[in-house]
Amino acid sequence: MKNKIRSSRSAMKRFRVTGSGKLVAYGANHSHHLEKKSSRRKKRLNSLHVISKTDVKNILGVAPYLK
């Protein structure tokens, strides 16, 4: 029996797969220094963002069983 590749636990927590198979993640810059950011900016940063196709290959390299 062959060994399986271990998925990066941090990558498994950061990304998730949508029903259509796209990878999504929360945006950065929303943990501190929030007083100086506008409400509109904070609301936009708090939403899920679709990961670009160029980055998907790298993410699936460290978390192969994400899909």
PDB file of N, CA and C in Angstrom:
ATOM      1  N   MET A   1       0.837  -1.175   0.000  1.00  0.00           N
ATOM      2  CA  MET A   1       0.000   0.000   0.000  1.00  0.00           C
ATOM      3  C   MET A   1       0.889   1.247   0.000  1.00  0.00           C
ATOM      4  N   LYS A   2       0.556   2.166  -0.867  1.00  0.00           N
ATOM      5  CA  LYS A   2       1.360   3.383  -0.973  1.00  0.00           C
ATOM      6  C   LYS A   2       0.947   4.410   0.072  1.00  0.00           C
ATOM      7  N   ASN A   3       1.872   5.308   0.350  1.00  0.00           N
ATOM      8  CA  ASN A   3       1.594   6.372   1.307  1.00  0.00           C
ATOM      9  C   ASN A   3       0.837   7.510   0.632  1.00  0.00           C
ATOM     10  N   LYS A   4       0.013   8.190   1.424  1.00  0.00           N
ATOM     11  CA  LYS A   4      -0.714   9.352   0.922  1.00  0.00           C
ATOM     12  C   LYS A   4       0.053  10.622   1.286  1.00  0.00           C
ATOM     13  N   ILE A   5      -0.130  11.648   0.483  1.00  0.00           N
ATOM     14  CA  ILE A   5       0.473  12.944   0.763  1.00  0.00           C
ATOM     15  C   ILE A   5      -0.343  13.605   1.871  1.00  0.00           C
ATOM     16  N   ARG A   6       0.331  14.191   2.841  1.00  0.00           N
ATOM     17  CA  ARG A   6      -0.377  14.873   3.918  1.00  0.00           C
ATOM     18  C   ARG A   6      -0.750  16.282   3.467  1.00  0.00           C
ATOM     19  N   SER A   7      -1.984  16.653   3.713  1.00  0.00           N
ATOM     20  CA  SER A   7      -2.440  18.000   3.385  1.00  0.00           C
ATOM     21  C   SER A   7      -1.957  18.984   4.438  1.00  0.00           C
ATOM     22  N   SER A   8      -1.641  20.174   3.990  1.00  0.00           N
ATOM     23  CA  SER A   8      -1.267  21.243   4.912  1.00  0.00           C
ATOM     24  C   SER A   8      -2.509  21.641   5.703  1.00  0.00           C
ATOM     25  N   ARG A   9      -2.431  21.533   7.039  1.00  0.00           N
ATOM     26  CA  ARG A   9      -3.601  21.826   7.868  1.00  0.00           C
ATOM     27  C   ARG A   9      -3.983  23.304   7.767  1.00  0.00           C
ATOM     28  N   SER A  10      -3.009  24.181   7.632  1.00  0.00           N
ATOM     29  CA  SER A  10      -3.329  25.607   7.529  1.00  0.00           C
ATOM     30  C   SER A  10      -4.069  25.905   6.222  1.00  0.00           C
ATOM     31  N   ALA A  11      -3.690  25.229   5.137  1.00  0.00           N
ATOM     32  CA  ALA A  11      -4.371  25.431   3.856  1.00  0.00           C
ATOM     33  C   ALA A  11      -5.795  24.885   3.913  1.00  0.00           C
ATOM     34  N   MET A  12      -5.986  23.773   4.611  1.00  0.00           N
ATOM     35  CA  MET A  12      -7.318  23.185   4.724  1.00  0.00           C
ATOM     36  C   MET A  12      -8.262  24.118   5.495  1.00  0.00           C
ATOM     37  N   LYS A  13      -7.719  24.875   6.446  1.00  0.00           N
ATOM     38  CA  LYS A  13      -8.545  25.789   7.232  1.00  0.00           C
ATOM     39  C   LYS A  13      -8.837  27.087   6.478  1.00  0.00           C
ATOM     40  N   ARG A  14      -7.949  27.495   5.592  1.00  0.00           N
ATOM     41  CA  ARG A  14      -8.087  28.793   4.926  1.00  0.00           C
ATOM     42  C   ARG A  14      -8.970  28.760   3.697  1.00  0.00           C
ATOM     43  N   PHE A  15      -8.994  27.638   3.001  1.00  0.00           N
ATOM     44  CA  PHE A  15      -9.706  27.563   1.728  1.00  0.00           C
ATOM     45  C   PHE A  15     -10.835  26.554   1.805  1.00  0.00           C
ATOM     46  N   ARG A  16     -11.877  26.804   0.985  1.00  0.00           N
ATOM     47  CA  ARG A  16     -12.923  25.807   0.842  1.00  0.00           C
ATOM     48  C   ARG A  16     -13.398  25.791  -0.600  1.00  0.00           C
ATOM     49  N   VAL A  17     -14.069  24.711  -0.962  1.00  0.00           N
ATOM     50  CA  VAL A  17     -14.505  24.517  -2.337  1.00  0.00           C
ATOM     51  C   VAL A  17     -16.000  24.791  -2.420  1.00  0.00           C
ATOM     52  N   THR A  18     -16.408  25.551  -3.434  1.00  0.00           N
ATOM     53  CA  THR A  18     -17.826  25.833  -3.637  1.00  0.00           C
ATOM     54  C   THR A  18     -18.479  24.650  -4.340  1.00  0.00           C
ATOM     55  N   GLY A  19     -19.777  24.723  -4.505  1.00  0.00           N
ATOM     56  CA  GLY A  19     -20.509  23.662  -5.184  1.00  0.00           C
ATOM     57  C   GLY A  19     -20.101  23.502  -6.632  1.00  0.00           C
ATOM     58  N   SER A  20     -19.682  24.599  -7.262  1.00  0.00           N
ATOM     59  CA  SER A  20     -19.266  24.537  -8.667  1.00  0.00           C
ATOM     60  C   SER A  20     -17.791  24.183  -8.826  1.00  0.00           C
ATOM     61  N   GLY A  21     -17.077  23.982  -7.702  1.00  0.00           N
ATOM     62  CA  GLY A  21     -15.686  23.547  -7.770  1.00  0.00           C
ATOM     63  C   GLY A  21     -14.651  24.652  -7.675  1.00  0.00           C
ATOM     64  N   LYS A  22     -15.080  25.892  -7.434  1.00  0.00           N
ATOM     65  CA  LYS A  22     -14.121  26.988  -7.301  1.00  0.00           C
ATOM     66  C   LYS A  22     -13.580  27.037  -5.875  1.00  0.00           C
ATOM     67  N   LEU A  23     -12.360  27.548  -5.731  1.00  0.00           N
ATOM     68  CA  LEU A  23     -11.772  27.733  -4.408  1.00  0.00           C
ATOM     69  C   LEU A  23     -12.065  29.148  -3.930  1.00  0.00           C
ATOM     70  N   VAL A  24     -12.480  29.272  -2.673  1.00  0.00           N
ATOM     71  CA  VAL A  24     -12.757  30.580  -2.099  1.00  0.00           C
ATOM     72  C   VAL A  24     -12.034  30.711  -0.765  1.00  0.00           C
ATOM     73  N   ALA A  25     -11.760  31.959  -0.377  1.00  0.00           N
ATOM     74  CA  ALA A  25     -11.102  32.244   0.893  1.00  0.00           C
ATOM     75  C   ALA A  25     -11.495  33.649   1.325  1.00  0.00           C
ATOM     76  N   TYR A  26     -11.353  33.917   2.615  1.00  0.00           N
ATOM     77  CA  TYR A  26     -11.599  35.262   3.116  1.00  0.00           C
ATOM     78  C   TYR A  26     -10.402  36.151   2.789  1.00  0.00           C
ATOM     79  N   GLY A  27     -10.661  37.433   2.560  1.00  0.00           N
ATOM     80  CA  GLY A  27      -9.605  38.364   2.232  1.00  0.00           C
ATOM     81  C   GLY A  27      -8.750  38.722   3.427  1.00  0.00           C
ATOM     82  N   ALA A  28      -7.597  39.282   3.164  1.00  0.00           N
ATOM     83  CA  ALA A  28      -6.681  39.706   4.220  1.00  0.00           C
ATOM     84  C   ALA A  28      -7.074  41.100   4.714  1.00  0.00           C
ATOM     85  N   ASN A  29      -6.323  41.613   5.661  1.00  0.00           N
ATOM     86  CA  ASN A  29      -6.465  42.976   6.195  1.00  0.00           C
ATOM     87  C   ASN A  29      -7.782  43.213   6.913  1.00  0.00           C
ATOM     88  N   HIS A  30      -8.270  42.219   7.649  1.00  0.00           N
ATOM     89  CA  HIS A  30      -9.510  42.415   8.384  1.00  0.00           C
ATOM     90  C   HIS A  30      -9.410  41.905   9.816  1.00  0.00           C
ATOM     91  N   SER A  31      -8.217  41.970  10.409  1.00  0.00           N
ATOM     92  CA  SER A  31      -8.069  41.470  11.773  1.00  0.00           C
ATOM     93  C   SER A  31      -7.773  42.574  12.784  1.00  0.00           C
ATOM     94  N   HIS A  32      -7.046  43.590  12.396  1.00  0.00           N
ATOM     95  CA  HIS A  32      -6.776  44.688  13.323  1.00  0.00           C
ATOM     96  C   HIS A  32      -6.577  45.976  12.538  1.00  0.00           C
ATOM     97  N   HIS A  33      -6.434  47.087  13.257  1.00  0.00           N
ATOM     98  CA  HIS A  33      -6.404  48.441  12.676  1.00  0.00           C
ATOM     99  C   HIS A  33      -7.699  48.717  11.911  1.00  0.00           C
ATOM    100  N   LEU A  34      -8.822  48.328  12.501  1.00  0.00           N
ATOM    101  CA  LEU A  34     -10.102  48.475  11.811  1.00  0.00           C
ATOM    102  C   LEU A  34     -10.738  49.851  12.021  1.00  0.00           C
ATOM    103  N   GLU A  35     -10.242  50.626  12.980  1.00  0.00           N
ATOM    104  CA  GLU A  35     -10.835  51.936  13.248  1.00  0.00           C
ATOM    105  C   GLU A  35     -10.643  52.897  12.081  1.00  0.00           C
ATOM    106  N   LYS A  36      -9.498  52.804  11.432  1.00  0.00           N
ATOM    107  CA  LYS A  36      -9.203  53.739  10.349  1.00  0.00           C
ATOM    108  C   LYS A  36      -9.826  53.329   9.018  1.00  0.00           C
ATOM    109  N   LYS A  37     -10.379  52.121   8.937  1.00  0.00           N
ATOM    110  CA  LYS A  37     -10.984  51.647   7.691  1.00  0.00           C
ATOM    111  C   LYS A  37     -12.473  51.979   7.690  1.00  0.00           C
ATOM    112  N   SER A  38     -12.985  52.327   6.517  1.00  0.00           N
ATOM    113  CA  SER A  38     -14.390  52.693   6.406  1.00  0.00           C
ATOM    114  C   SER A  38     -15.272  51.448   6.525  1.00  0.00           C
ATOM    115  N   SER A  39     -16.540  51.662   6.839  1.00  0.00           N
ATOM    116  CA  SER A  39     -17.487  50.552   6.970  1.00  0.00           C
ATOM    117  C   SER A  39     -17.616  49.799   5.657  1.00  0.00           C
ATOM    118  N   ARG A  40     -17.626  50.551   4.573  1.00  0.00           N
ATOM    119  CA  ARG A  40     -17.739  49.934   3.253  1.00  0.00           C
ATOM    120  C   ARG A  40     -16.538  49.035   2.966  1.00  0.00           C
ATOM    121  N   ARG A  41     -15.364  49.507   3.319  1.00  0.00           N
ATOM    122  CA  ARG A  41     -14.142  48.732   3.088  1.00  0.00           C
ATOM    123  C   ARG A  41     -14.114  47.480   3.953  1.00  0.00           C
ATOM    124  N   LYS A  42     -14.523  47.596   5.221  1.00  0.00           N
ATOM    125  CA  LYS A  42     -14.541  46.445   6.122  1.00  0.00           C
ATOM    126  C   LYS A  42     -15.549  45.398   5.663  1.00  0.00           C
ATOM    127  N   LYS A  43     -16.686  45.849   5.181  1.00  0.00           N
ATOM    128  CA  LYS A  43     -17.707  44.928   4.688  1.00  0.00           C
ATOM    129  C   LYS A  43     -17.202  44.171   3.459  1.00  0.00           C
ATOM    130  N   ARG A  44     -16.502  44.873   2.591  1.00  0.00           N
ATOM    131  CA  ARG A  44     -15.951  44.247   1.383  1.00  0.00           C
ATOM    132  C   ARG A  44     -14.853  43.250   1.732  1.00  0.00           C
ATOM    133  N   LEU A  45     -14.018  43.572   2.714  1.00  0.00           N
ATOM    134  CA  LEU A  45     -12.925  42.680   3.104  1.00  0.00           C
ATOM    135  C   LEU A  45     -13.420  41.439   3.835  1.00  0.00           C
ATOM    136  N   ASN A  46     -14.611  41.504   4.419  1.00  0.00           N
ATOM    137  CA  ASN A  46     -15.134  40.406   5.217  1.00  0.00           C
ATOM    138  C   ASN A  46     -15.801  39.320   4.380  1.00  0.00           C
ATOM    139  N   SER A  47     -15.901  39.513   3.068  1.00  0.00           N
ATOM    140  CA  SER A  47     -16.591  38.542   2.229  1.00  0.00           C
ATOM    141  C   SER A  47     -15.616  37.525   1.643  1.00  0.00           C
ATOM    142  N   LEU A  48     -16.165  36.426   1.152  1.00  0.00           N
ATOM    143  CA  LEU A  48     -15.352  35.391   0.510  1.00  0.00           C
ATOM    144  C   LEU A  48     -14.931  35.856  -0.879  1.00  0.00           C
ATOM    145  N   HIS A  49     -13.698  35.540  -1.265  1.00  0.00           N
ATOM    146  CA  HIS A  49     -13.173  35.898  -2.575  1.00  0.00           C
ATOM    147  C   HIS A  49     -12.813  34.636  -3.335  1.00  0.00           C
ATOM    148  N   VAL A  50     -13.109  34.622  -4.623  1.00  0.00           N
ATOM    149  CA  VAL A  50     -12.751  33.481  -5.463  1.00  0.00           C
ATOM    150  C   VAL A  50     -11.260  33.548  -5.753  1.00  0.00           C
ATOM    151  N   ILE A  51     -10.580  32.427  -5.599  1.00  0.00           N
ATOM    152  CA  ILE A  51      -9.139  32.349  -5.842  1.00  0.00           C
ATOM    153  C   ILE A  51      -8.900  32.252  -7.345  1.00  0.00           C
ATOM    154  N   SER A  52      -7.904  32.980  -7.843  1.00  0.00           N
ATOM    155  CA  SER A  52      -7.616  32.972  -9.275  1.00  0.00           C
ATOM    156  C   SER A  52      -7.077  31.614  -9.718  1.00  0.00           C
ATOM    157  N   LYS A  53      -7.265  31.311 -10.982  1.00  0.00           N
ATOM    158  CA  LYS A  53      -6.852  30.011 -11.523  1.00  0.00           C
ATOM    159  C   LYS A  53      -5.347  29.797 -11.428  1.00  0.00           C
ATOM    160  N   THR A  54      -4.583  30.876 -11.459  1.00  0.00           N
ATOM    161  CA  THR A  54      -3.127  30.736 -11.381  1.00  0.00           C
ATOM    162  C   THR A  54      -2.679  30.277  -9.999  1.00  0.00           C
ATOM    163  N   ASP A  55      -3.436  30.618  -8.962  1.00  0.00           N
ATOM    164  CA  ASP A  55      -3.082  30.218  -7.602  1.00  0.00           C
ATOM    165  C   ASP A  55      -3.648  28.861  -7.208  1.00  0.00           C
ATOM    166  N   VAL A  56      -4.664  28.389  -7.906  1.00  0.00           N
ATOM    167  CA  VAL A  56      -5.317  27.126  -7.544  1.00  0.00           C
ATOM    168  C   VAL A  56      -4.337  25.966  -7.614  1.00  0.00           C
ATOM    169  N   LYS A  57      -3.470  25.947  -8.605  1.00  0.00           N
ATOM    170  CA  LYS A  57      -2.509  24.853  -8.760  1.00  0.00           C
ATOM    171  C   LYS A  57      -1.575  24.770  -7.553  1.00  0.00           C
ATOM    172  N   ASN A  58      -1.107  25.920  -7.055  1.00  0.00           N
ATOM    173  CA  ASN A  58      -0.229  25.933  -5.886  1.00  0.00           C
ATOM    174  C   ASN A  58      -0.954  25.482  -4.628  1.00  0.00           C
ATOM    175  N   ILE A  59      -2.200  25.886  -4.473  1.00  0.00           N
ATOM    176  CA  ILE A  59      -2.974  25.510  -3.287  1.00  0.00           C
ATOM    177  C   ILE A  59      -3.255  24.016  -3.291  1.00  0.00           C
ATOM    178  N   LEU A  60      -3.619  23.477  -4.437  1.00  0.00           N
ATOM    179  CA  LEU A  60      -3.892  22.041  -4.513  1.00  0.00           C
ATOM    180  C   LEU A  60      -2.619  21.219  -4.369  1.00  0.00           C
ATOM    181  N   GLY A  61      -1.463  21.834  -4.555  1.00  0.00           N
ATOM    182  CA  GLY A  61      -0.203  21.130  -4.322  1.00  0.00           C
ATOM    183  C   GLY A  61       0.044  20.870  -2.849  1.00  0.00           C
ATOM    184  N   VAL A  62      -0.362  21.801  -1.989  1.00  0.00           N
ATOM    185  CA  VAL A  62      -0.165  21.622  -0.546  1.00  0.00           C
ATOM    186  C   VAL A  62      -1.378  20.998   0.127  1.00  0.00           C
ATOM    187  N   ALA A  63      -2.537  21.037  -0.536  1.00  0.00           N
ATOM    188  CA  ALA A  63      -3.748  20.423   0.012  1.00  0.00           C
ATOM    189  C   ALA A  63      -4.431  19.615  -1.090  1.00  0.00           C
ATOM    190  N   PRO A  64      -3.870  18.454  -1.452  1.00  0.00           N
ATOM    191  CA  PRO A  64      -4.370  17.714  -2.609  1.00  0.00           C
ATOM    192  C   PRO A  64      -5.772  17.140  -2.441  1.00  0.00           C
ATOM    193  N   TYR A  65      -6.238  16.960  -1.207  1.00  0.00           N
ATOM    194  CA  TYR A  65      -7.549  16.351  -0.992  1.00  0.00           C
ATOM    195  C   TYR A  65      -8.605  17.385  -0.652  1.00  0.00           C
ATOM    196  N   LEU A  66      -8.351  18.629  -1.017  1.00  0.00           N
ATOM    197  CA  LEU A  66      -9.289  19.707  -0.727  1.00  0.00           C
ATOM    198  C   LEU A  66     -10.551  19.583  -1.559  1.00  0.00           C
ATOM    199  N   LYS A  67     -10.420  19.134  -2.805  1.00  0.00           N
ATOM    200  CA  LYS A  67     -11.587  19.019  -3.678  1.00  0.00           C
ATOM    201  C   LYS A  67     -12.380  17.777  -3.396  1.00  0.00           C
TER     202      LYS A  67
END
